[in-house]
PDB file of N, CA and C in Angstrom:
ATOM      1  N   MET A   1     196.627-194.308  59.128  1.00  0.00           N
ATOM      2  CA  MET A   1     198.039-194.475  58.817  1.00  0.00           C
ATOM      3  C   MET A   1     198.315-193.768  57.489  1.00  0.00           C
ATOM      4  N   SER A   2     199.421-193.086  57.402  1.00  0.00           N
ATOM      5  CA  SER A   2     199.735-192.321  56.201  1.00  0.00           C
ATOM      6  C   SER A   2     200.160-193.230  55.049  1.00  0.00           C
ATOM      7  N   TYR A   3     199.999-192.705  53.854  1.00  0.00           N
ATOM      8  CA  TYR A   3     200.380-193.430  52.646  1.00  0.00           C
ATOM      9  C   TYR A   3     201.860-193.818  52.694  1.00  0.00           C
ATOM     10  N   THR A   4     202.710-192.879  53.082  1.00  0.00           N
ATOM     11  CA  THR A   4     204.154-193.133  53.108  1.00  0.00           C
ATOM     12  C   THR A   4     204.496-194.257  54.076  1.00  0.00           C
ATOM     13  N   LEU A   5     203.902-194.243  55.244  1.00  0.00           N
ATOM     14  CA  LEU A   5     204.151-195.296  56.224  1.00  0.00           C
ATOM     15  C   LEU A   5     203.665-196.649  55.713  1.00  0.00           C
ATOM     16  N   LEU A   6     202.471-196.671  55.127  1.00  0.00           N
ATOM     17  CA  LEU A   6     201.939-197.923  54.550  1.00  0.00           C
ATOM     18  C   LEU A   6     202.844-198.449  53.441  1.00  0.00           C
ATOM     19  N   LYS A   7     203.289-197.555  52.590  1.00  0.00           N
ATOM     20  CA  LYS A   7     204.155-197.959  51.475  1.00  0.00           C
ATOM     21  C   LYS A   7     205.455-198.555  51.989  1.00  0.00           C
ATOM     22  N   HIS A   8     206.067-197.915  52.983  1.00  0.00           N
ATOM     23  CA  HIS A   8     207.321-198.427  53.540  1.00  0.00           C
ATOM     24  C   HIS A   8     207.114-199.752  54.273  1.00  0.00           C
ATOM     25  N   LEU A   9     205.997-199.889  54.969  1.00  0.00           N
ATOM     26  CA  LEU A   9     205.672-201.162  55.618  1.00  0.00           C
ATOM     27  C   LEU A   9     205.516-202.263  54.571  1.00  0.00           C
ATOM     28  N   HIS A  10     204.797-201.954  53.497  1.00  0.00           N
ATOM     29  CA  HIS A  10     204.564-202.928  52.426  1.00  0.00           C
ATOM     30  C   HIS A  10     205.888-203.345  51.773  1.00  0.00           C
ATOM     31  N   ILE A  11     206.715-202.391  51.456  1.00  0.00           N
ATOM     32  CA  ILE A  11     208.007-202.688  50.818  1.00  0.00           C
ATOM     33  C   ILE A  11     208.899-203.495  51.769  1.00  0.00           C
ATOM     34  N   SER A  12     208.914-203.124  53.034  1.00  0.00           N
ATOM     35  CA  SER A  12     209.724-203.857  54.019  1.00  0.00           C
ATOM     36  C   SER A  12     209.245-205.299  54.171  1.00  0.00           C
ATOM     37  N   CYS A  13     207.937-205.479  54.226  1.00  0.00           N
ATOM     38  CA  CYS A  13     207.386-206.844  54.335  1.00  0.00           C
ATOM     39  C   CYS A  13     207.686-207.648  53.081  1.00  0.00           C
ATOM     40  N   ALA A  14     207.598-207.018  51.913  1.00  0.00           N
ATOM     41  CA  ALA A  14     207.903-207.718  50.651  1.00  0.00           C
ATOM     42  C   ALA A  14     209.365-208.150  50.633  1.00  0.00           C
ATOM     43  N   ALA A  15     210.247-207.272  51.050  1.00  0.00           N
ATOM     44  CA  ALA A  15     211.681-207.606  51.079  1.00  0.00           C
ATOM     45  C   ALA A  15     211.960-208.728  52.073  1.00  0.00           C
ATOM     46  N   ALA A  16     211.356-208.659  53.249  1.00  0.00           N
ATOM     47  CA  ALA A  16     211.552-209.713  54.259  1.00  0.00           C
ATOM     48  C   ALA A  16     210.968-211.036  53.784  1.00  0.00           C
ATOM     49  N   SER A  17     209.806-210.989  53.167  1.00  0.00           N
ATOM     50  CA  SER A  17     209.170-212.199  52.659  1.00  0.00           C
ATOM     51  C   SER A  17     210.037-212.851  51.587  1.00  0.00           C
ATOM     52  N   TYR A  18     210.539-212.047  50.668  1.00  0.00           N
ATOM     53  CA  TYR A  18     211.392-212.586  49.607  1.00  0.00           C
ATOM     54  C   TYR A  18     212.696-213.140  50.189  1.00  0.00           C
ATOM     55  N   ALA A  19     213.302-212.418  51.124  1.00  0.00           N
ATOM     56  CA  ALA A  19     214.557-212.876  51.720  1.00  0.00           C
ATOM     57  C   ALA A  19     214.364-214.230  52.406  1.00  0.00           C
ATOM     58  N   LEU A  20     213.270-214.378  53.120  1.00  0.00           N
ATOM     59  CA  LEU A  20     212.999-215.659  53.771  1.00  0.00           C
ATOM     60  C   LEU A  20     212.722-216.758  52.748  1.00  0.00           C
ATOM     61  N   PHE A  21     212.016-216.425  51.667  1.00  0.00           N
ATOM     62  CA  PHE A  21     211.766-217.418  50.616  1.00  0.00           C
ATOM     63  C   PHE A  21     213.086-217.853  49.990  1.00  0.00           C
ATOM     64  N   LEU A  22     213.952-216.913  49.715  1.00  0.00           N
ATOM     65  CA  LEU A  22     215.260-217.218  49.140  1.00  0.00           C
ATOM     66  C   LEU A  22     216.051-218.129  50.078  1.00  0.00           C
ATOM     67  N   LEU A  23     216.076-217.773  51.351  1.00  0.00           N
ATOM     68  CA  LEU A  23     216.802-218.549  52.342  1.00  0.00           C
ATOM     69  C   LEU A  23     216.200-219.945  52.514  1.00  0.00           C
ATOM     70  N   ARG A  24     214.882-220.023  52.587  1.00  0.00           N
ATOM     71  CA  ARG A  24     214.238-221.336  52.731  1.00  0.00           C
ATOM     72  C   ARG A  24     214.502-222.208  51.513  1.00  0.00           C
ATOM     73  N   GLY A  25     214.592-221.603  50.344  1.00  0.00           N
ATOM     74  CA  GLY A  25     214.924-222.373  49.144  1.00  0.00           C
ATOM     75  C   GLY A  25     216.327-222.944  49.210  1.00  0.00           C
ATOM     76  N   ILE A  26     217.257-222.146  49.695  1.00  0.00           N
ATOM     77  CA  ILE A  26     218.637-222.631  49.853  1.00  0.00           C
ATOM     78  C   ILE A  26     218.670-223.768  50.867  1.00  0.00           C
ATOM     79  N   TRP A  27     217.975-223.590  51.988  1.00  0.00           N
ATOM     80  CA  TRP A  27     217.928-224.652  52.998  1.00  0.00           C
ATOM     81  C   TRP A  27     217.291-225.918  52.430  1.00  0.00           C
ATOM     82  N   MET A  28     216.228-225.751  51.620  1.00  0.00           N
ATOM     83  CA  MET A  28     215.561-226.903  51.024  1.00  0.00           C
ATOM     84  C   MET A  28     216.530-227.644  50.108  1.00  0.00           C
ATOM     85  N   LEU A  29     217.266-226.907  49.288  1.00  0.00           N
ATOM     86  CA  LEU A  29     218.202-227.530  48.354  1.00  0.00           C
ATOM     87  C   LEU A  29     219.322-228.271  49.078  1.00  0.00           C
ATOM     88  N   ARG A  30     219.686-227.793  50.257  1.00  0.00           N
ATOM     89  CA  ARG A  30     220.751-228.425  51.045  1.00  0.00           C
ATOM     90  C   ARG A  30     220.216-229.451  52.045  1.00  0.00           C
ATOM     91  N   ASP A  31     218.903-229.684  52.025  1.00  0.00           N
ATOM     92  CA  ASP A  31     218.268-230.600  52.991  1.00  0.00           C
ATOM     93  C   ASP A  31     218.624-230.221  54.430  1.00  0.00           C
ATOM     94  N   SER A  32     218.606-228.934  54.708  1.00  0.00           N
ATOM     95  CA  SER A  32     218.985-228.434  56.024  1.00  0.00           C
ATOM     96  C   SER A  32     217.917-228.759  57.075  1.00  0.00           C
ATOM     97  N   HIS A  33     218.374-229.098  58.263  1.00  0.00           N
ATOM     98  CA  HIS A  33     217.470-229.345  59.381  1.00  0.00           C
ATOM     99  C   HIS A  33     216.739-228.076  59.818  1.00  0.00           C
ATOM    100  N   VAL A  34     217.254-226.920  59.433  1.00  0.00           N
ATOM    101  CA  VAL A  34     216.636-225.640  59.803  1.00  0.00           C
ATOM    102  C   VAL A  34     215.201-225.562  59.275  1.00  0.00           C
ATOM    103  N   MET A  35     214.958-226.191  58.132  1.00  0.00           N
ATOM    104  CA  MET A  35     213.606-226.159  57.548  1.00  0.00           C
ATOM    105  C   MET A  35     212.567-226.780  58.473  1.00  0.00           C
ATOM    106  N   ARG A  36     212.985-227.613  59.399  1.00  0.00           N
ATOM    107  CA  ARG A  36     212.049-228.270  60.315  1.00  0.00           C
ATOM    108  C   ARG A  36     211.848-227.498  61.615  1.00  0.00           C
ATOM    109  N   GLN A  37     212.543-226.394  61.777  1.00  0.00           N
ATOM    110  CA  GLN A  37     212.385-225.611  63.000  1.00  0.00           C
ATOM    111  C   GLN A  37     211.054-224.860  62.986  1.00  0.00           C
ATOM    112  N   ARG A  38     210.498-224.708  64.154  1.00  0.00           N
ATOM    113  CA  ARG A  38     209.159-224.116  64.270  1.00  0.00           C
ATOM    114  C   ARG A  38     209.088-222.689  63.734  1.00  0.00           C
ATOM    115  N   TRP A  39     210.087-221.876  64.027  1.00  0.00           N
ATOM    116  CA  TRP A  39     210.043-220.470  63.613  1.00  0.00           C
ATOM    117  C   TRP A  39     209.993-220.350  62.092  1.00  0.00           C
ATOM    118  N   VAL A  40     210.604-221.297  61.381  1.00  0.00           N
ATOM    119  CA  VAL A  40     210.622-221.258  59.912  1.00  0.00           C
ATOM    120  C   VAL A  40     209.218-221.493  59.352  1.00  0.00           C
ATOM    121  N   LYS A  41     208.377-222.131  60.111  1.00  0.00           N
ATOM    122  CA  LYS A  41     206.998-222.376  59.678  1.00  0.00           C
ATOM    123  C   LYS A  41     206.057-221.240  60.087  1.00  0.00           C
ATOM    124  N   ILE A  42     206.451-220.445  61.083  1.00  0.00           N
ATOM    125  CA  ILE A  42     205.563-219.401  61.613  1.00  0.00           C
ATOM    126  C   ILE A  42     205.901-218.011  61.077  1.00  0.00           C
ATOM    127  N   VAL A  43     207.163-217.616  61.121  1.00  0.00           N
ATOM    128  CA  VAL A  43     207.569-216.248  60.777  1.00  0.00           C
ATOM    129  C   VAL A  43     207.167-215.854  59.353  1.00  0.00           C
ATOM    130  N   PRO A  44     207.381-216.712  58.335  1.00  0.00           N
ATOM    131  CA  PRO A  44     206.976-216.297  56.981  1.00  0.00           C
ATOM    132  C   PRO A  44     205.478-216.007  56.863  1.00  0.00           C
ATOM    133  N   HIS A  45     204.650-216.785  57.566  1.00  0.00           N
ATOM    134  CA  HIS A  45     203.203-216.541  57.512  1.00  0.00           C
ATOM    135  C   HIS A  45     202.837-215.216  58.183  1.00  0.00           C
ATOM    136  N   THR A  46     203.528-214.891  59.249  1.00  0.00           N
ATOM    137  CA  THR A  46     203.287-213.621  59.940  1.00  0.00           C
ATOM    138  C   THR A  46     203.655-212.447  59.033  1.00  0.00           C
ATOM    139  N   ILE A  47     204.819-212.532  58.414  1.00  0.00           N
ATOM    140  CA  ILE A  47     205.256-211.463  57.509  1.00  0.00           C
ATOM    141  C   ILE A  47     204.320-211.355  56.315  1.00  0.00           C
ATOM    142  N   ASP A  48     203.933-212.488  55.746  1.00  0.00           N
ATOM    143  CA  ASP A  48     203.042-212.465  54.583  1.00  0.00           C
ATOM    144  C   ASP A  48     201.666-211.916  54.930  1.00  0.00           C
ATOM    145  N   THR A  49     201.205-212.152  56.150  1.00  0.00           N
ATOM    146  CA  THR A  49     199.923-211.582  56.590  1.00  0.00           C
ATOM    147  C   THR A  49     200.029-210.059  56.677  1.00  0.00           C
ATOM    148  N   MET A  50     201.140-209.569  57.233  1.00  0.00           N
ATOM    149  CA  MET A  50     201.343-208.111  57.294  1.00  0.00           C
ATOM    150  C   MET A  50     201.498-207.535  55.881  1.00  0.00           C
ATOM    151  N   LEU A  51     202.142-208.275  54.988  1.00  0.00           N
ATOM    152  CA  LEU A  51     202.296-207.838  53.600  1.00  0.00           C
ATOM    153  C   LEU A  51     200.932-207.705  52.927  1.00  0.00           C
ATOM    154  N   LEU A  52     200.078-208.704  53.093  1.00  0.00           N
ATOM    155  CA  LEU A  52     198.742-208.659  52.501  1.00  0.00           C
ATOM    156  C   LEU A  52     197.895-207.536  53.109  1.00  0.00           C
ATOM    157  N   ALA A  53     197.952-207.389  54.419  1.00  0.00           N
ATOM    158  CA  ALA A  53     197.177-206.326  55.076  1.00  0.00           C
ATOM    159  C   ALA A  53     197.625-204.945  54.604  1.00  0.00           C
ATOM    160  N   SER A  54     198.937-204.755  54.471  1.00  0.00           N
ATOM    161  CA  SER A  54     199.415-203.453  54.000  1.00  0.00           C
ATOM    162  C   SER A  54     199.056-203.233  52.538  1.00  0.00           C
ATOM    163  N   ALA A  55     199.019-204.298  51.742  1.00  0.00           N
ATOM    164  CA  ALA A  55     198.616-204.173  50.333  1.00  0.00           C
ATOM    165  C   ALA A  55     197.153-203.739  50.220  1.00  0.00           C
ATOM    166  N   ILE A  56     196.310-204.352  51.026  1.00  0.00           N
ATOM    167  CA  ILE A  56     194.883-203.987  51.014  1.00  0.00           C
ATOM    168  C   ILE A  56     194.706-202.543  51.484  1.00  0.00           C
ATOM    169  N   ALA A  57     195.408-202.169  52.530  1.00  0.00           N
ATOM    170  CA  ALA A  57     195.319-200.797  53.038  1.00  0.00           C
ATOM    171  C   ALA A  57     195.835-199.792  52.008  1.00  0.00           C
ATOM    172  N   LEU A  58     196.915-200.141  51.310  1.00  0.00           N
ATOM    173  CA  LEU A  58     197.439-199.257  50.263  1.00  0.00           C
ATOM    174  C   LEU A  58     196.443-199.092  49.128  1.00  0.00           C
ATOM    175  N   ALA A  59     195.865-200.203  48.675  1.00  0.00           N
ATOM    176  CA  ALA A  59     194.890-200.134  47.589  1.00  0.00           C
ATOM    177  C   ALA A  59     193.713-199.239  47.972  1.00  0.00           C
ATOM    178  N   TYR A  60     193.244-199.394  49.200  1.00  0.00           N
ATOM    179  CA  TYR A  60     192.151-198.559  49.680  1.00  0.00           C
ATOM    180  C   TYR A  60     192.576-197.092  49.750  1.00  0.00           C
ATOM    181  N   THR A  61     193.768-196.847  50.264  1.00  0.00           N
ATOM    182  CA  THR A  61     194.268-195.475  50.434  1.00  0.00           C
ATOM    183  C   THR A  61     194.405-194.749  49.101  1.00  0.00           C
ATOM    184  N   ILE A  62     194.938-195.435  48.092  1.00  0.00           N
ATOM    185  CA  ILE A  62     195.134-194.778  46.790  1.00  0.00           C
ATOM    186  C   ILE A  62     193.913-194.902  45.883  1.00  0.00           C
ATOM    187  N   GLY A  63     192.911-195.662  46.331  1.00  0.00           N
ATOM    188  CA  GLY A  63     191.675-195.780  45.565  1.00  0.00           C
ATOM    189  C   GLY A  63     191.829-196.568  44.272  1.00  0.00           C
ATOM    190  N   GLN A  64     192.748-197.519  44.259  1.00  0.00           N
ATOM    191  CA  GLN A  64     192.937-198.371  43.086  1.00  0.00           C
ATOM    192  C   GLN A  64     192.754-199.811  43.518  1.00  0.00           C
ATOM    193  N   TYR A  65     192.014-200.567  42.702  1.00  0.00           N
ATOM    194  CA  TYR A  65     191.637-201.915  43.100  1.00  0.00           C
ATOM    195  C   TYR A  65     191.879-202.898  41.961  1.00  0.00           C
ATOM    196  N   PRO A  66     192.174-204.171  42.316  1.00  0.00           N
ATOM    197  CA  PRO A  66     192.303-205.188  41.265  1.00  0.00           C
ATOM    198  C   PRO A  66     191.009-205.265  40.458  1.00  0.00           C
ATOM    199  N   LEU A  67     191.129-205.601  39.222  1.00  0.00           N
ATOM    200  CA  LEU A  67     190.059-205.684  38.229  1.00  0.00           C
ATOM    201  C   LEU A  67     189.646-204.304  37.721  1.00  0.00           C
ATOM    202  N   ALA A  68     189.918-203.252  38.475  1.00  0.00           N
ATOM    203  CA  ALA A  68     189.649-201.894  38.001  1.00  0.00           C
ATOM    204  C   ALA A  68     190.910-201.284  37.398  1.00  0.00           C
ATOM    205  N   GLU A  69     192.065-201.702  37.887  1.00  0.00           N
ATOM    206  CA  GLU A  69     193.354-201.204  37.404  1.00  0.00           C
ATOM    207  C   GLU A  69     194.158-202.379  36.854  1.00  0.00           C
ATOM    208  N   ASN A  70     194.558-202.283  35.586  1.00  0.00           N
ATOM    209  CA  ASN A  70     195.264-203.393  34.944  1.00  0.00           C
ATOM    210  C   ASN A  70     196.550-203.778  35.669  1.00  0.00           C
ATOM    211  N   TRP A  71     197.320-202.795  36.102  1.00  0.00           N
ATOM    212  CA  TRP A  71     198.588-203.110  36.740  1.00  0.00           C
ATOM    213  C   TRP A  71     198.385-203.853  38.051  1.00  0.00           C
ATOM    214  N   LEU A  72     197.349-203.479  38.800  1.00  0.00           N
ATOM    215  CA  LEU A  72     197.087-204.135  40.077  1.00  0.00           C
ATOM    216  C   LEU A  72     196.520-205.539  39.863  1.00  0.00           C
ATOM    217  N   THR A  73     195.725-205.706  38.823  1.00  0.00           N
ATOM    218  CA  THR A  73     195.219-207.033  38.471  1.00  0.00           C
ATOM    219  C   THR A  73     196.381-207.953  38.107  1.00  0.00           C
ATOM    220  N   ALA A  74     197.331-207.440  37.310  1.00  0.00           N
ATOM    221  CA  ALA A  74     198.503-208.232  36.926  1.00  0.00           C
ATOM    222  C   ALA A  74     199.331-208.592  38.145  1.00  0.00           C
ATOM    223  N   LYS A  75     199.461-207.665  39.064  1.00  0.00           N
ATOM    224  CA  LYS A  75     200.254-207.902  40.275  1.00  0.00           C
ATOM    225  C   LYS A  75     199.610-208.995  41.130  1.00  0.00           C
ATOM    226  N   VAL A  76     198.302-208.955  41.295  1.00  0.00           N
ATOM    227  CA  VAL A  76     197.597-209.964  42.089  1.00  0.00           C
ATOM    228  C   VAL A  76     197.670-211.329  41.402  1.00  0.00           C
ATOM    229  N   ALA A  77     197.493-211.364  40.085  1.00  0.00           N
ATOM    230  CA  ALA A  77     197.589-212.637  39.354  1.00  0.00           C
ATOM    231  C   ALA A  77     198.995-213.228  39.479  1.00  0.00           C
ATOM    232  N   ALA A  78     199.998-212.378  39.360  1.00  0.00           N
ATOM    233  CA  ALA A  78     201.381-212.844  39.505  1.00  0.00           C
ATOM    234  C   ALA A  78     201.643-213.312  40.937  1.00  0.00           C
ATOM    235  N   LEU A  79     201.053-212.648  41.900  1.00  0.00           N
ATOM    236  CA  LEU A  79     201.201-213.066  43.293  1.00  0.00           C
ATOM    237  C   LEU A  79     200.645-214.476  43.497  1.00  0.00           C
ATOM    238  N   LEU A  80     199.493-214.756  42.912  1.00  0.00           N
ATOM    239  CA  LEU A  80     198.911-216.099  43.030  1.00  0.00           C
ATOM    240  C   LEU A  80     199.825-217.150  42.395  1.00  0.00           C
ATOM    241  N   LEU A  81     200.422-216.816  41.247  1.00  0.00           N
ATOM    242  CA  LEU A  81     201.383-217.722  40.615  1.00  0.00           C
ATOM    243  C   LEU A  81     202.610-217.905  41.503  1.00  0.00           C
ATOM    244  N   TYR A  82     203.110-216.826  42.095  1.00  0.00           N
ATOM    245  CA  TYR A  82     204.264-216.870  42.994  1.00  0.00           C
ATOM    246  C   TYR A  82     203.980-217.791  44.188  1.00  0.00           C
ATOM    247  N   ILE A  83     202.794-217.681  44.754  1.00  0.00           N
ATOM    248  CA  ILE A  83     202.410-218.524  45.885  1.00  0.00           C
ATOM    249  C   ILE A  83     202.367-219.991  45.466  1.00  0.00           C
ATOM    250  N   ALA A  84     201.754-220.266  44.318  1.00  0.00           N
ATOM    251  CA  ALA A  84     201.674-221.650  43.828  1.00  0.00           C
ATOM    252  C   ALA A  84     203.066-222.231  43.584  1.00  0.00           C
ATOM    253  N   LEU A  85     203.926-221.455  42.954  1.00  0.00           N
ATOM    254  CA  LEU A  85     205.300-221.916  42.717  1.00  0.00           C
ATOM    255  C   LEU A  85     206.042-222.125  44.037  1.00  0.00           C
ATOM    256  N   GLY A  86     205.775-221.270  45.009  1.00  0.00           N
ATOM    257  CA  GLY A  86     206.386-221.424  46.329  1.00  0.00           C
ATOM    258  C   GLY A  86     205.967-222.718  47.003  1.00  0.00           C
ATOM    259  N   PHE A  87     204.686-223.077  46.876  1.00  0.00           N
ATOM    260  CA  PHE A  87     204.219-224.350  47.431  1.00  0.00           C
ATOM    261  C   PHE A  87     204.947-225.526  46.791  1.00  0.00           C
ATOM    262  N   VAL A  88     205.103-225.477  45.468  1.00  0.00           N
ATOM    263  CA  VAL A  88     205.813-226.552  44.774  1.00  0.00           C
ATOM    264  C   VAL A  88     207.272-226.582  45.209  1.00  0.00           C
ATOM    265  N   ALA A  89     207.885-225.408  45.275  1.00  0.00           N
ATOM    266  CA  ALA A  89     209.313-225.333  45.612  1.00  0.00           C
ATOM    267  C   ALA A  89     209.613-225.811  47.026  1.00  0.00           C
ATOM    268  N   LEU A  90     208.787-225.444  47.972  1.00  0.00           N
ATOM    269  CA  LEU A  90     209.125-225.707  49.368  1.00  0.00           C
ATOM    270  C   LEU A  90     208.378-226.879  49.995  1.00  0.00           C
ATOM    271  N   LYS A  91     207.341-227.375  49.314  1.00  0.00           N
ATOM    272  CA  LYS A  91     206.553-228.408  49.978  1.00  0.00           C
ATOM    273  C   LYS A  91     206.130-229.555  49.069  1.00  0.00           C
ATOM    274  N   TYR A  92     205.574-229.257  47.914  1.00  0.00           N
ATOM    275  CA  TYR A  92     204.921-230.301  47.132  1.00  0.00           C
ATOM    276  C   TYR A  92     205.705-230.815  45.927  1.00  0.00           C
ATOM    277  N   GLY A  93     206.856-230.242  45.631  1.00  0.00           N
ATOM    278  CA  GLY A  93     207.652-230.731  44.510  1.00  0.00           C
ATOM    279  C   GLY A  93     208.136-232.148  44.789  1.00  0.00           C
ATOM    280  N   ARG A  94     207.953-233.056  43.830  1.00  0.00           N
ATOM    281  CA  ARG A  94     208.267-234.469  44.068  1.00  0.00           C
ATOM    282  C   ARG A  94     209.755-234.777  43.978  1.00  0.00           C
ATOM    283  N   SER A  95     210.484-233.935  43.277  1.00  0.00           N
ATOM    284  CA  SER A  95     211.927-234.163  43.172  1.00  0.00           C
ATOM    285  C   SER A  95     212.649-232.842  43.397  1.00  0.00           C
ATOM    286  N   LYS A  96     213.930-232.951  43.666  1.00  0.00           N
ATOM    287  CA  LYS A  96     214.722-231.747  43.895  1.00  0.00           C
ATOM    288  C   LYS A  96     214.789-230.895  42.629  1.00  0.00           C
ATOM    289  N   ILE A  97     214.796-231.524  41.455  1.00  0.00           N
ATOM    290  CA  ILE A  97     214.821-230.783  40.181  1.00  0.00           C
ATOM    291  C   ILE A  97     213.541-229.959  40.026  1.00  0.00           C
ATOM    292  N   ILE A  98     212.408-230.562  40.334  1.00  0.00           N
ATOM    293  CA  ILE A  98     211.126-229.843  40.235  1.00  0.00           C
ATOM    294  C   ILE A  98     211.094-228.702  41.249  1.00  0.00           C
ATOM    295  N   ARG A  99     211.572-228.965  42.444  1.00  0.00           N
ATOM    296  CA  ARG A  99     211.598-227.922  43.478  1.00  0.00           C
ATOM    297  C   ARG A  99     212.512-226.770  43.073  1.00  0.00           C
ATOM    298  N   LEU A 100     213.667-227.102  42.535  1.00  0.00           N
ATOM    299  CA  LEU A 100     214.608-226.070  42.086  1.00  0.00           C
ATOM    300  C   LEU A 100     213.992-225.237  40.961  1.00  0.00           C
ATOM    301  N   ALA A 101     213.373-225.897  39.985  1.00  0.00           N
ATOM    302  CA  ALA A 101     212.756-225.181  38.865  1.00  0.00           C
ATOM    303  C   ALA A 101     211.646-224.244  39.364  1.00  0.00           C
ATOM    304  N   ALA A 102     210.827-224.734  40.288  1.00  0.00           N
ATOM    305  CA  ALA A 102     209.745-223.903  40.838  1.00  0.00           C
ATOM    306  C   ALA A 102     210.307-222.740  41.641  1.00  0.00           C
ATOM    307  N   TRP A 103     211.379-222.988  42.397  1.00  0.00           N
ATOM    308  CA  TRP A 103     212.019-221.944  43.202  1.00  0.00           C
ATOM    309  C   TRP A 103     212.585-220.845  42.310  1.00  0.00           C
ATOM    310  N   LEU A 104     213.255-221.236  41.223  1.00  0.00           N
ATOM    311  CA  LEU A 104     213.804-220.248  40.292  1.00  0.00           C
ATOM    312  C   LEU A 104     212.688-219.498  39.563  1.00  0.00           C
ATOM    313  N   ALA A 105     211.652-220.215  39.152  1.00  0.00           N
ATOM    314  CA  ALA A 105     210.518-219.572  38.473  1.00  0.00           C
ATOM    315  C   ALA A 105     209.824-218.581  39.410  1.00  0.00           C
ATOM    316  N   ALA A 106     209.693-218.950  40.681  1.00  0.00           N
ATOM    317  CA  ALA A 106     209.062-218.049  41.654  1.00  0.00           C
ATOM    318  C   ALA A 106     209.864-216.762  41.805  1.00  0.00           C
ATOM    319  N   GLN A 107     211.173-216.868  41.765  1.00  0.00           N
ATOM    320  CA  GLN A 107     212.002-215.667  41.866  1.00  0.00           C
ATOM    321  C   GLN A 107     211.822-214.761  40.649  1.00  0.00           C
ATOM    322  N   THR A 108     211.663-215.365  39.488  1.00  0.00           N
ATOM    323  CA  THR A 108     211.396-214.585  38.269  1.00  0.00           C
ATOM    324  C   THR A 108     210.053-213.870  38.383  1.00  0.00           C
ATOM    325  N   VAL A 109     209.056-214.573  38.876  1.00  0.00           N
ATOM    326  CA  VAL A 109     207.731-213.973  39.059  1.00  0.00           C
ATOM    327  C   VAL A 109     207.797-212.847  40.090  1.00  0.00           C
ATOM    328  N   PHE A 110     208.558-213.036  41.159  1.00  0.00           N
ATOM    329  CA  PHE A 110     208.714-211.970  42.146  1.00  0.00           C
ATOM    330  C   PHE A 110     209.318-210.721  41.493  1.00  0.00           C
ATOM    331  N   GLY A 111     210.311-210.917  40.663  1.00  0.00           N
ATOM    332  CA  GLY A 111     210.909-209.785  39.939  1.00  0.00           C
ATOM    333  C   GLY A 111     209.882-209.062  39.092  1.00  0.00           C
ATOM    334  N   TYR A 112     209.027-209.828  38.420  1.00  0.00           N
ATOM    335  CA  TYR A 112     207.951-209.231  37.616  1.00  0.00           C
ATOM    336  C   TYR A 112     207.014-208.414  38.513  1.00  0.00           C
ATOM    337  N   ILE A 113     206.647-208.967  39.666  1.00  0.00           N
ATOM    338  CA  ILE A 113     205.752-208.253  40.589  1.00  0.00           C
ATOM    339  C   ILE A 113     206.373-206.915  40.992  1.00  0.00           C
ATOM    340  N   VAL A 114     207.655-206.911  41.295  1.00  0.00           N
ATOM    341  CA  VAL A 114     208.339-205.676  41.686  1.00  0.00           C
ATOM    342  C   VAL A 114     208.320-204.668  40.541  1.00  0.00           C
ATOM    343  N   LEU A 115     208.602-205.128  39.326  1.00  0.00           N
ATOM    344  CA  LEU A 115     208.595-204.219  38.169  1.00  0.00           C
ATOM    345  C   LEU A 115     207.208-203.629  37.932  1.00  0.00           C
ATOM    346  N   VAL A 116     206.180-204.461  38.049  1.00  0.00           N
ATOM    347  CA  VAL A 116     204.805-203.965  37.880  1.00  0.00           C
ATOM    348  C   VAL A 116     204.500-202.920  38.945  1.00  0.00           C
ATOM    349  N   ALA A 117     204.908-203.186  40.172  1.00  0.00           N
ATOM    350  CA  ALA A 117     204.653-202.233  41.259  1.00  0.00           C
ATOM    351  C   ALA A 117     205.385-200.906  41.030  1.00  0.00           C
ATOM    352  N   LEU A 118     206.606-200.978  40.549  1.00  0.00           N
ATOM    353  CA  LEU A 118     207.388-199.758  40.328  1.00  0.00           C
ATOM    354  C   LEU A 118     206.851-198.910  39.186  1.00  0.00           C
ATOM    355  N   HIS A 119     206.403-199.577  38.120  1.00  0.00           N
ATOM    356  CA  HIS A 119     205.992-198.853  36.911  1.00  0.00           C
ATOM    357  C   HIS A 119     204.480-198.676  36.773  1.00  0.00           C
ATOM    358  N   HIS A 120     203.711-199.359  37.636  1.00  0.00           N
ATOM    359  CA  HIS A 120     202.242-199.336  37.524  1.00  0.00           C
ATOM    360  C   HIS A 120     201.817-199.684  36.091  1.00  0.00           C
ATOM    361  N   ASP A 121     202.455-200.711  35.561  1.00  0.00           N
ATOM    362  CA  ASP A 121     202.235-201.147  34.183  1.00  0.00           C
ATOM    363  C   ASP A 121     202.301-202.667  34.150  1.00  0.00           C
ATOM    364  N   PRO A 122     201.266-203.341  33.599  1.00  0.00           N
ATOM    365  CA  PRO A 122     201.284-204.794  33.564  1.00  0.00           C
ATOM    366  C   PRO A 122     202.327-205.364  32.589  1.00  0.00           C
ATOM    367  N   LEU A 123     202.855-204.528  31.706  1.00  0.00           N
ATOM    368  CA  LEU A 123     203.897-204.940  30.775  1.00  0.00           C
ATOM    369  C   LEU A 123     205.121-204.057  30.956  1.00  0.00           C
ATOM    370  N   PRO A 124     205.788-204.167  32.097  1.00  0.00           N
ATOM    371  CA  PRO A 124     206.883-203.239  32.408  1.00  0.00           C
ATOM    372  C   PRO A 124     208.115-203.440  31.527  1.00  0.00           C
ATOM    373  N   PHE A 125     208.189-204.562  30.826  1.00  0.00           N
ATOM    374  CA  PHE A 125     209.349-204.848  29.997  1.00  0.00           C
ATOM    375  C   PHE A 125     209.337-204.020  28.701  1.00  0.00           C
ATOM    376  N   PHE A 126     208.186-203.492  28.344  1.00  0.00           N
ATOM    377  CA  PHE A 126     208.028-202.776  27.076  1.00  0.00           C
ATOM    378  C   PHE A 126     207.987-201.278  27.273  1.00  0.00           C
ATOM    379  N   ARG A 127     208.481-200.784  28.361  1.00  0.00           N
ATOM    380  CA  ARG A 127     208.498-199.336  28.633  1.00  0.00           C
ATOM    381  C   ARG A 127     209.604-198.690  27.885  1.00  0.00           C
TER     382      ARG A 127
END
């Protein structure tokens, strides 16, 4: 698979994953019954699996790997934080305030991940 195709697949999966996270957060805040539908539990995992697979394929294709490249290490570390915040926001937060705070923090972390990816710099704010 070509680099361009992998990159577009990765970006598309990231956008879809974020859009679903944003939507699920809104549904969670509104106590929507949609959150209990089966597709809401399956589709995000499918998209995230394709996102991870395309990320691994991209890293291999460009020959850059976490721990060897600072920007990629920062991106992976931020991804782990984003996932943890997502768990708190959508599943394990004990109160709506905690869930809201985690949901907003996760969106900030997602923004950081995008900036790191665009600039290939772990400190994109200081460019």
